Amino acid sequence: MPKMKTSKTASKRFRKTGTGKLRRQQAMRQHLFEKKSSKRTRSLAGTVDVHSGDVKRIKRLLAER
């Protein structure tokens, strides 16, 4: 059976932690900051865990199966 190819778009959007969890950036943090409060902008900074329901599909995109 041929090797699974990594989805390059997924590899740019998701990172794997040392313990094997998947992390992602939050949306709404690219532009149009004038209408967003500073508190909202700060809370959107950093990464969050990928939802448990999406992990299996994303791992497939990252060729981990």
Protein backbone atom coordinates (compact mmCIF):
# COMPACT_ATOMS: atom_id res chain seq x y z
CA MET A 1 0.00 0.00 0.00
CA PRO A 2 1.37 3.46 -0.84
CA LYS A 3 2.41 5.95 1.78
CA MET A 4 -0.13 8.48 3.04
CA LYS A 5 0.60 12.03 1.96
CA THR A 6 0.51 14.87 4.45
CA SER A 7 -1.98 17.63 3.72
CA LYS A 8 0.27 20.69 3.52
CA THR A 9 -2.58 23.03 4.44
CA ALA A 10 -3.24 21.04 7.62
CA SER A 11 0.44 20.89 8.52
CA LYS A 12 0.59 24.68 8.45
CA ARG A 13 -2.48 25.05 10.67
CA PHE A 14 -1.92 22.43 13.37
CA ARG A 15 0.97 21.63 15.69
CA LYS A 16 1.55 18.53 17.75
CA THR A 17 2.63 18.92 21.38
CA GLY A 18 5.18 16.78 23.16
CA THR A 19 2.41 14.69 24.72
CA GLY A 20 0.74 14.15 21.34
CA LYS A 21 -2.13 16.62 21.58
CA LEU A 22 -3.04 18.81 18.63
CA ARG A 23 -3.03 22.60 18.98
CA ARG A 24 -4.43 25.30 16.71
CA GLN A 25 -4.59 29.09 16.44
CA GLN A 26 -7.87 30.83 17.17
CA ALA A 27 -9.89 32.56 14.48
CA MET A 28 -10.78 36.29 14.31
CA ARG A 29 -7.24 37.49 15.03
CA GLN A 30 -6.05 38.57 11.58
CA HIS A 31 -7.46 42.02 10.92
CA LEU A 32 -10.23 44.57 11.72
CA PHE A 33 -9.02 45.18 15.27
CA GLU A 34 -10.68 48.60 15.62
CA LYS A 35 -14.05 47.03 16.31
CA LYS A 36 -12.70 44.38 18.67
CA SER A 37 -11.94 45.15 22.29
CA SER A 38 -8.39 44.77 23.56
CA LYS A 39 -9.61 42.15 26.01
CA ARG A 40 -11.07 40.10 23.16
CA THR A 41 -7.91 40.45 21.09
CA ARG A 42 -5.72 39.29 23.98
CA SER A 43 -7.95 36.32 24.73
CA LEU A 44 -7.70 35.18 21.11
CA ALA A 45 -3.90 35.13 21.28
CA GLY A 46 -2.04 31.86 21.66
CA THR A 47 -3.13 28.35 20.81
CA VAL A 48 -5.94 26.11 22.00
CA ASP A 49 -6.51 22.36 21.88
CA VAL A 50 -8.30 20.90 18.88
CA HIS A 51 -11.79 19.67 19.71
CA SER A 52 -11.87 15.96 20.51
CA GLY A 53 -14.39 15.29 17.74
CA ASP A 54 -12.01 16.65 15.11
CA VAL A 55 -8.79 14.95 16.22
CA LYS A 56 -9.25 11.73 14.23
CA ARG A 57 -9.91 13.60 10.97
CA ILE A 58 -6.98 15.99 11.46
CA LYS A 59 -4.59 13.15 12.29
CA ARG A 60 -5.57 11.55 9.01
CA LEU A 61 -4.76 14.80 7.19
CA LEU A 62 -1.39 14.86 8.94
CA ALA A 63 -0.72 11.25 7.80
CA GLU A 64 -0.44 9.88 11.32
CA ARG A 65 -2.56 6.77 10.74
